[in-house]
Amino acid sequence: ARGVEAWLMEASIDPQARPETLPPEAF
């Protein structure tokens, strides 16, 4: 509910990143 960008930033993930750049641990 807090929103996609807040969720991604909470995980220290750039909202502009694409999925193939994230390691399994990030997911």
PDB file of all heavy atoms in Angstrom:
ATOM      1  N   ALA A   1       0.809  -1.226   0.000  1.00  0.00           N
ATOM      2  CA  ALA A   1       0.000   0.000   0.000  1.00  0.00           C
ATOM      3  C   ALA A   1       0.839   1.271   0.000  1.00  0.00           C
ATOM      4  O   ALA A   1       0.397   2.316  -0.500  1.00  0.00           O
ATOM      5  CB  ALA A   1      -0.925  -0.009   1.218  1.00  0.00           C
ATOM      6  N   ARG A   2       2.056   1.216   0.531  1.00  0.00           N
ATOM      7  CA  ARG A   2       2.876   2.426   0.604  1.00  0.00           C
ATOM      8  C   ARG A   2       3.401   2.870  -0.748  1.00  0.00           C
ATOM      9  O   ARG A   2       4.009   3.936  -0.865  1.00  0.00           O
ATOM     10  CB  ARG A   2       4.038   2.223   1.577  1.00  0.00           C
ATOM     11  CG  ARG A   2       4.953   1.043   1.275  1.00  0.00           C
ATOM     12  CD  ARG A   2       5.885   0.815   2.462  1.00  0.00           C
ATOM     13  NE  ARG A   2       6.774  -0.324   2.309  1.00  0.00           N
ATOM     14  CZ  ARG A   2       6.463  -1.574   2.606  1.00  0.00           C
ATOM     15  NH1 ARG A   2       5.235  -1.861   3.042  1.00  0.00           N
ATOM     16  NH2 ARG A   2       7.340  -2.557   2.481  1.00  0.00           N
ATOM     17  N   GLY A   3       3.208   2.055  -1.778  1.00  0.00           N
ATOM     18  CA  GLY A   3       3.575   2.448  -3.129  1.00  0.00           C
ATOM     19  C   GLY A   3       4.842   1.798  -3.626  1.00  0.00           C
ATOM     20  O   GLY A   3       5.715   1.416  -2.850  1.00  0.00           O
ATOM     21  N   VAL A   4       4.947   1.673  -4.938  1.00  0.00           N
ATOM     22  CA  VAL A   4       6.041   0.913  -5.532  1.00  0.00           C
ATOM     23  C   VAL A   4       7.388   1.596  -5.319  1.00  0.00           C
ATOM     24  O   VAL A   4       8.387   0.934  -5.016  1.00  0.00           O
ATOM     25  CB  VAL A   4       5.765   0.640  -7.027  1.00  0.00           C
ATOM     26  CG1 VAL A   4       5.713   1.922  -7.845  1.00  0.00           C
ATOM     27  CG2 VAL A   4       6.815  -0.304  -7.598  1.00  0.00           C
ATOM     28  N   GLU A   5       7.455   2.903  -5.469  1.00  0.00           N
ATOM     29  CA  GLU A   5       8.748   3.572  -5.353  1.00  0.00           C
ATOM     30  C   GLU A   5       9.253   3.544  -3.910  1.00  0.00           C
ATOM     31  O   GLU A   5      10.454   3.348  -3.671  1.00  0.00           O
ATOM     32  CB  GLU A   5       8.661   4.999  -5.896  1.00  0.00           C
ATOM     33  CG  GLU A   5       8.312   5.051  -7.387  1.00  0.00           C
ATOM     34  CD  GLU A   5       9.022   6.183  -8.116  1.00  0.00           C
ATOM     35  OE1 GLU A   5       9.891   6.843  -7.519  1.00  0.00           O
ATOM     36  OE2 GLU A   5       8.708   6.382  -9.314  1.00  0.00           O
ATOM     37  N   ALA A   6       8.355   3.738  -2.953  1.00  0.00           N
ATOM     38  CA  ALA A   6       8.764   3.665  -1.548  1.00  0.00           C
ATOM     39  C   ALA A   6       9.250   2.265  -1.204  1.00  0.00           C
ATOM     40  O   ALA A   6      10.236   2.094  -0.472  1.00  0.00           O
ATOM     41  CB  ALA A   6       7.596   4.058  -0.647  1.00  0.00           C
ATOM     42  N   TRP A   7       8.567   1.271  -1.724  1.00  0.00           N
ATOM     43  CA  TRP A   7       8.936  -0.140  -1.501  1.00  0.00           C
ATOM     44  C   TRP A   7      10.323  -0.425  -2.064  1.00  0.00           C
ATOM     45  O   TRP A   7      11.176  -1.017  -1.391  1.00  0.00           O
ATOM     46  CB  TRP A   7       7.861  -1.005  -2.144  1.00  0.00           C
ATOM     47  CG  TRP A   7       8.051  -2.486  -2.137  1.00  0.00           C
ATOM     48  CD1 TRP A   7       8.580  -3.255  -1.131  1.00  0.00           C
ATOM     49  CD2 TRP A   7       7.673  -3.386  -3.176  1.00  0.00           C
ATOM     50  NE1 TRP A   7       8.549  -4.585  -1.499  1.00  0.00           N
ATOM     51  CE2 TRP A   7       7.996  -4.689  -2.748  1.00  0.00           C
ATOM     52  CE3 TRP A   7       7.082  -3.220  -4.434  1.00  0.00           C
ATOM     53  CZ2 TRP A   7       7.753  -5.824  -3.533  1.00  0.00           C
ATOM     54  CZ3 TRP A   7       6.826  -4.341  -5.203  1.00  0.00           C
ATOM     55  CH2 TRP A   7       7.163  -5.627  -4.763  1.00  0.00           C
ATOM     56  N   LEU A   8      10.571   0.009  -3.281  1.00  0.00           N
ATOM     57  CA  LEU A   8      11.870  -0.215  -3.910  1.00  0.00           C
ATOM     58  C   LEU A   8      12.974   0.542  -3.178  1.00  0.00           C
ATOM     59  O   LEU A   8      14.072  -0.012  -2.942  1.00  0.00           O
ATOM     60  CB  LEU A   8      11.820   0.189  -5.381  1.00  0.00           C
ATOM     61  CG  LEU A   8      10.994  -0.728  -6.292  1.00  0.00           C
ATOM     62  CD1 LEU A   8      10.695  -0.040  -7.623  1.00  0.00           C
ATOM     63  CD2 LEU A   8      11.725  -2.050  -6.540  1.00  0.00           C
ATOM     64  N   MET A   9      12.726   1.774  -2.828  1.00  0.00           N
ATOM     65  CA  MET A   9      13.736   2.550  -2.132  1.00  0.00           C
ATOM     66  C   MET A   9      14.050   1.962  -0.756  1.00  0.00           C
ATOM     67  O   MET A   9      15.189   2.002  -0.293  1.00  0.00           O
ATOM     68  CB  MET A   9      13.260   4.005  -1.995  1.00  0.00           C
ATOM     69  CG  MET A   9      13.106   4.741  -3.321  1.00  0.00           C
ATOM     70  SD  MET A   9      14.665   4.884  -4.251  1.00  0.00           S
ATOM     71  CE  MET A   9      15.519   6.106  -3.264  1.00  0.00           C
ATOM     72  N   GLU A  10      13.039   1.388  -0.112  1.00  0.00           N
ATOM     73  CA  GLU A  10      13.238   0.744   1.187  1.00  0.00           C
ATOM     74  C   GLU A  10      14.211  -0.426   1.064  1.00  0.00           C
ATOM     75  O   GLU A  10      14.955  -0.739   1.997  1.00  0.00           O
ATOM     76  CB  GLU A  10      11.888   0.268   1.728  1.00  0.00           C
ATOM     77  CG  GLU A  10      11.908  -0.151   3.180  1.00  0.00           C
ATOM     78  CD  GLU A  10      10.522  -0.482   3.689  1.00  0.00           C
ATOM     79  OE1 GLU A  10       9.537  -0.218   2.976  1.00  0.00           O
ATOM     80  OE2 GLU A  10      10.432  -1.006   4.808  1.00  0.00           O
ATOM     81  N   ALA A  11      14.215  -1.077  -0.101  1.00  0.00           N
ATOM     82  CA  ALA A  11      15.131  -2.185  -0.373  1.00  0.00           C
ATOM     83  C   ALA A  11      16.429  -1.709  -1.022  1.00  0.00           C
ATOM     84  O   ALA A  11      17.238  -2.535  -1.460  1.00  0.00           O
ATOM     85  CB  ALA A  11      14.455  -3.213  -1.276  1.00  0.00           C
ATOM     86  N   SER A  12      16.620  -0.382  -1.086  1.00  0.00           N
ATOM     87  CA  SER A  12      17.809   0.217  -1.707  1.00  0.00           C
ATOM     88  C   SER A  12      17.956  -0.182  -3.171  1.00  0.00           C
ATOM     89  O   SER A  12      19.058  -0.453  -3.665  1.00  0.00           O
ATOM     90  CB  SER A  12      19.079  -0.170  -0.924  1.00  0.00           C
ATOM     91  OG  SER A  12      18.994   0.275   0.410  1.00  0.00           O
ATOM     92  N   ILE A  13      16.829  -0.215  -3.865  1.00  0.00           N
ATOM     93  CA  ILE A  13      16.804  -0.574  -5.284  1.00  0.00           C
ATOM     94  C   ILE A  13      16.351   0.638  -6.090  1.00  0.00           C
ATOM     95  O   ILE A  13      15.343   1.278  -5.756  1.00  0.00           O
ATOM     96  CB  ILE A  13      15.857  -1.767  -5.540  1.00  0.00           C
ATOM     97  CG1 ILE A  13      16.393  -3.030  -4.843  1.00  0.00           C
ATOM     98  CG2 ILE A  13      15.682  -2.015  -7.037  1.00  0.00           C
ATOM     99  CD1 ILE A  13      15.414  -4.189  -4.846  1.00  0.00           C
ATOM    100  N   ASP A  14      17.068   0.963  -7.124  1.00  0.00           N
ATOM    101  CA  ASP A  14      16.733   2.071  -8.009  1.00  0.00           C
ATOM    102  C   ASP A  14      15.417   1.753  -8.730  1.00  0.00           C
ATOM    103  O   ASP A  14      15.329   0.741  -9.436  1.00  0.00           O
ATOM    104  CB  ASP A  14      17.861   2.269  -9.024  1.00  0.00           C
ATOM    105  CG  ASP A  14      17.618   3.434  -9.973  1.00  0.00           C
ATOM    106  OD1 ASP A  14      16.518   4.027  -9.945  1.00  0.00           O
ATOM    107  OD2 ASP A  14      18.534   3.735 -10.766  1.00  0.00           O
ATOM    108  N   PRO A  15      14.380   2.565  -8.570  1.00  0.00           N
ATOM    109  CA  PRO A  15      13.109   2.291  -9.254  1.00  0.00           C
ATOM    110  C   PRO A  15      13.239   2.223 -10.776  1.00  0.00           C
ATOM    111  O   PRO A  15      12.380   1.636 -11.450  1.00  0.00           O
ATOM    112  CB  PRO A  15      12.220   3.468  -8.832  1.00  0.00           C
ATOM    113  CG  PRO A  15      12.794   3.922  -7.527  1.00  0.00           C
ATOM    114  CD  PRO A  15      14.278   3.739  -7.687  1.00  0.00           C
ATOM    115  N   GLN A  16      14.320   2.783 -11.325  1.00  0.00           N
ATOM    116  CA  GLN A  16      14.504   2.752 -12.772  1.00  0.00           C
ATOM    117  C   GLN A  16      15.265   1.507 -13.244  1.00  0.00           C
ATOM    118  O   GLN A  16      15.464   1.315 -14.440  1.00  0.00           O
ATOM    119  CB  GLN A  16      15.250   4.009 -13.225  1.00  0.00           C
ATOM    120  CG  GLN A  16      14.485   5.301 -12.964  1.00  0.00           C
ATOM    121  CD  GLN A  16      15.182   6.504 -13.553  1.00  0.00           C
ATOM    122  OE1 GLN A  16      15.279   6.648 -14.772  1.00  0.00           O
ATOM    123  NE2 GLN A  16      15.682   7.378 -12.686  1.00  0.00           N
ATOM    124  N   ALA A  17      15.690   0.679 -12.296  1.00  0.00           N
ATOM    125  CA  ALA A  17      16.412  -0.545 -12.674  1.00  0.00           C
ATOM    126  C   ALA A  17      15.478  -1.521 -13.375  1.00  0.00           C
ATOM    127  O   ALA A  17      14.245  -1.468 -13.213  1.00  0.00           O
ATOM    128  CB  ALA A  17      17.008  -1.196 -11.435  1.00  0.00           C
ATOM    129  N   ARG A  18      16.061  -2.418 -14.149  1.00  0.00           N
ATOM    130  CA  ARG A  18      15.299  -3.478 -14.795  1.00  0.00           C
ATOM    131  C   ARG A  18      15.553  -4.796 -14.075  1.00  0.00           C
ATOM    132  O   ARG A  18      16.608  -4.970 -13.441  1.00  0.00           O
ATOM    133  CB  ARG A  18      15.650  -3.551 -16.282  1.00  0.00           C
ATOM    134  CG  ARG A  18      15.064  -2.369 -17.057  1.00  0.00           C
ATOM    135  CD  ARG A  18      15.343  -2.420 -18.544  1.00  0.00           C
ATOM    136  NE  ARG A  18      14.531  -1.443 -19.264  1.00  0.00           N
ATOM    137  CZ  ARG A  18      14.778  -0.125 -19.322  1.00  0.00           C
ATOM    138  NH1 ARG A  18      15.842   0.375 -18.683  1.00  0.00           N
ATOM    139  NH2 ARG A  18      13.987   0.685 -19.997  1.00  0.00           N
ATOM    140  N   PRO A  19      14.627  -5.736 -14.152  1.00  0.00           N
ATOM    141  CA  PRO A  19      14.714  -6.934 -13.305  1.00  0.00           C
ATOM    142  C   PRO A  19      15.966  -7.767 -13.511  1.00  0.00           C
ATOM    143  O   PRO A  19      16.478  -8.364 -12.554  1.00  0.00           O
ATOM    144  CB  PRO A  19      13.453  -7.726 -13.668  1.00  0.00           C
ATOM    145  CG  PRO A  19      12.969  -7.152 -14.958  1.00  0.00           C
ATOM    146  CD  PRO A  19      13.380  -5.723 -14.949  1.00  0.00           C
ATOM    147  N   GLU A  20      16.494  -7.819 -14.740  1.00  0.00           N
ATOM    148  CA  GLU A  20      17.649  -8.676 -14.996  1.00  0.00           C
ATOM    149  C   GLU A  20      18.924  -8.169 -14.334  1.00  0.00           C
ATOM    150  O   GLU A  20      19.941  -8.867 -14.313  1.00  0.00           O
ATOM    151  CB  GLU A  20      17.879  -8.849 -16.500  1.00  0.00           C
ATOM    152  CG  GLU A  20      18.293  -7.599 -17.251  1.00  0.00           C
ATOM    153  CD  GLU A  20      17.132  -6.800 -17.787  1.00  0.00           C
ATOM    154  OE1 GLU A  20      15.985  -7.037 -17.337  1.00  0.00           O
ATOM    155  OE2 GLU A  20      17.368  -5.944 -18.668  1.00  0.00           O
ATOM    156  N   THR A  21      18.891  -6.951 -13.743  1.00  0.00           N
ATOM    157  CA  THR A  21      20.078  -6.414 -13.084  1.00  0.00           C
ATOM    158  C   THR A  21      20.132  -6.760 -11.595  1.00  0.00           C
ATOM    159  O   THR A  21      21.160  -6.574 -10.955  1.00  0.00           O
ATOM    160  CB  THR A  21      20.132  -4.880 -13.224  1.00  0.00           C
ATOM    161  OG1 THR A  21      19.040  -4.288 -12.499  1.00  0.00           O
ATOM    162  CG2 THR A  21      20.077  -4.465 -14.683  1.00  0.00           C
ATOM    163  N   LEU A  22      19.022  -7.261 -11.045  1.00  0.00           N
ATOM    164  CA  LEU A  22      18.956  -7.530  -9.608  1.00  0.00           C
ATOM    165  C   LEU A  22      19.416  -8.949  -9.271  1.00  0.00           C
ATOM    166  O   LEU A  22      18.992  -9.906  -9.931  1.00  0.00           O
ATOM    167  CB  LEU A  22      17.523  -7.348  -9.101  1.00  0.00           C
ATOM    168  CG  LEU A  22      17.118  -5.979  -8.572  1.00  0.00           C
ATOM    169  CD1 LEU A  22      17.299  -4.911  -9.633  1.00  0.00           C
ATOM    170  CD2 LEU A  22      15.692  -6.034  -8.056  1.00  0.00           C
ATOM    171  N   PRO A  23      20.243  -9.118  -8.246  1.00  0.00           N
ATOM    172  CA  PRO A  23      20.612 -10.461  -7.811  1.00  0.00           C
ATOM    173  C   PRO A  23      19.436 -11.134  -7.104  1.00  0.00           C
ATOM    174  O   PRO A  23      18.496 -10.453  -6.662  1.00  0.00           O
ATOM    175  CB  PRO A  23      21.767 -10.216  -6.842  1.00  0.00           C
ATOM    176  CG  PRO A  23      21.504  -8.861  -6.287  1.00  0.00           C
ATOM    177  CD  PRO A  23      20.893  -8.073  -7.419  1.00  0.00           C
ATOM    178  N   PRO A  24      19.456 -12.442  -6.958  1.00  0.00           N
ATOM    179  CA  PRO A  24      18.348 -13.133  -6.281  1.00  0.00           C
ATOM    180  C   PRO A  24      18.045 -12.574  -4.893  1.00  0.00           C
ATOM    181  O   PRO A  24      16.878 -12.462  -4.498  1.00  0.00           O
ATOM    182  CB  PRO A  24      18.835 -14.585  -6.216  1.00  0.00           C
ATOM    183  CG  PRO A  24      19.740 -14.728  -7.396  1.00  0.00           C
ATOM    184  CD  PRO A  24      20.434 -13.407  -7.511  1.00  0.00           C
ATOM    185  N   GLU A  25      19.089 -12.197  -4.156  1.00  0.00           N
ATOM    186  CA  GLU A  25      18.887 -11.700  -2.795  1.00  0.00           C
ATOM    187  C   GLU A  25      18.044 -10.423  -2.759  1.00  0.00           C
ATOM    188  O   GLU A  25      17.319 -10.172  -1.787  1.00  0.00           O
ATOM    189  CB  GLU A  25      20.240 -11.451  -2.132  1.00  0.00           C
ATOM    190  CG  GLU A  25      21.079 -12.693  -1.902  1.00  0.00           C
ATOM    191  CD  GLU A  25      21.725 -13.221  -3.184  1.00  0.00           C
ATOM    192  OE1 GLU A  25      21.840 -12.458  -4.175  1.00  0.00           O
ATOM    193  OE2 GLU A  25      22.130 -14.414  -3.183  1.00  0.00           O
ATOM    194  N   ALA A  26      18.124  -9.607  -3.805  1.00  0.00           N
ATOM    195  CA  ALA A  26      17.312  -8.393  -3.863  1.00  0.00           C
ATOM    196  C   ALA A  26      15.834  -8.737  -3.970  1.00  0.00           C
ATOM    197  O   ALA A  26      14.983  -8.074  -3.354  1.00  0.00           O
ATOM    198  CB  ALA A  26      17.758  -7.521  -5.036  1.00  0.00           C
ATOM    199  N   PHE A  27      15.508  -9.766  -4.759  1.00  0.00           N
ATOM    200  CA  PHE A  27      14.109 -10.192  -4.859  1.00  0.00           C
ATOM    201  C   PHE A  27      13.630 -10.778  -3.534  1.00  0.00           C
ATOM    202  O   PHE A  27      12.463 -10.610  -3.155  1.00  0.00           O
ATOM    203  CB  PHE A  27      13.945 -11.205  -5.989  1.00  0.00           C
ATOM    204  CG  PHE A  27      14.005 -10.585  -7.359  1.00  0.00           C
ATOM    205  CD1 PHE A  27      15.148 -10.694  -8.135  1.00  0.00           C
ATOM    206  CD2 PHE A  27      12.924  -9.878  -7.870  1.00  0.00           C
ATOM    207  CE1 PHE A  27      15.221 -10.123  -9.399  1.00  0.00           C
ATOM    208  CE2 PHE A  27      12.979  -9.294  -9.122  1.00  0.00           C
ATOM    209  CZ  PHE A  27      14.134  -9.412  -9.892  1.00  0.00           C
TER     210      PHE A  27
END
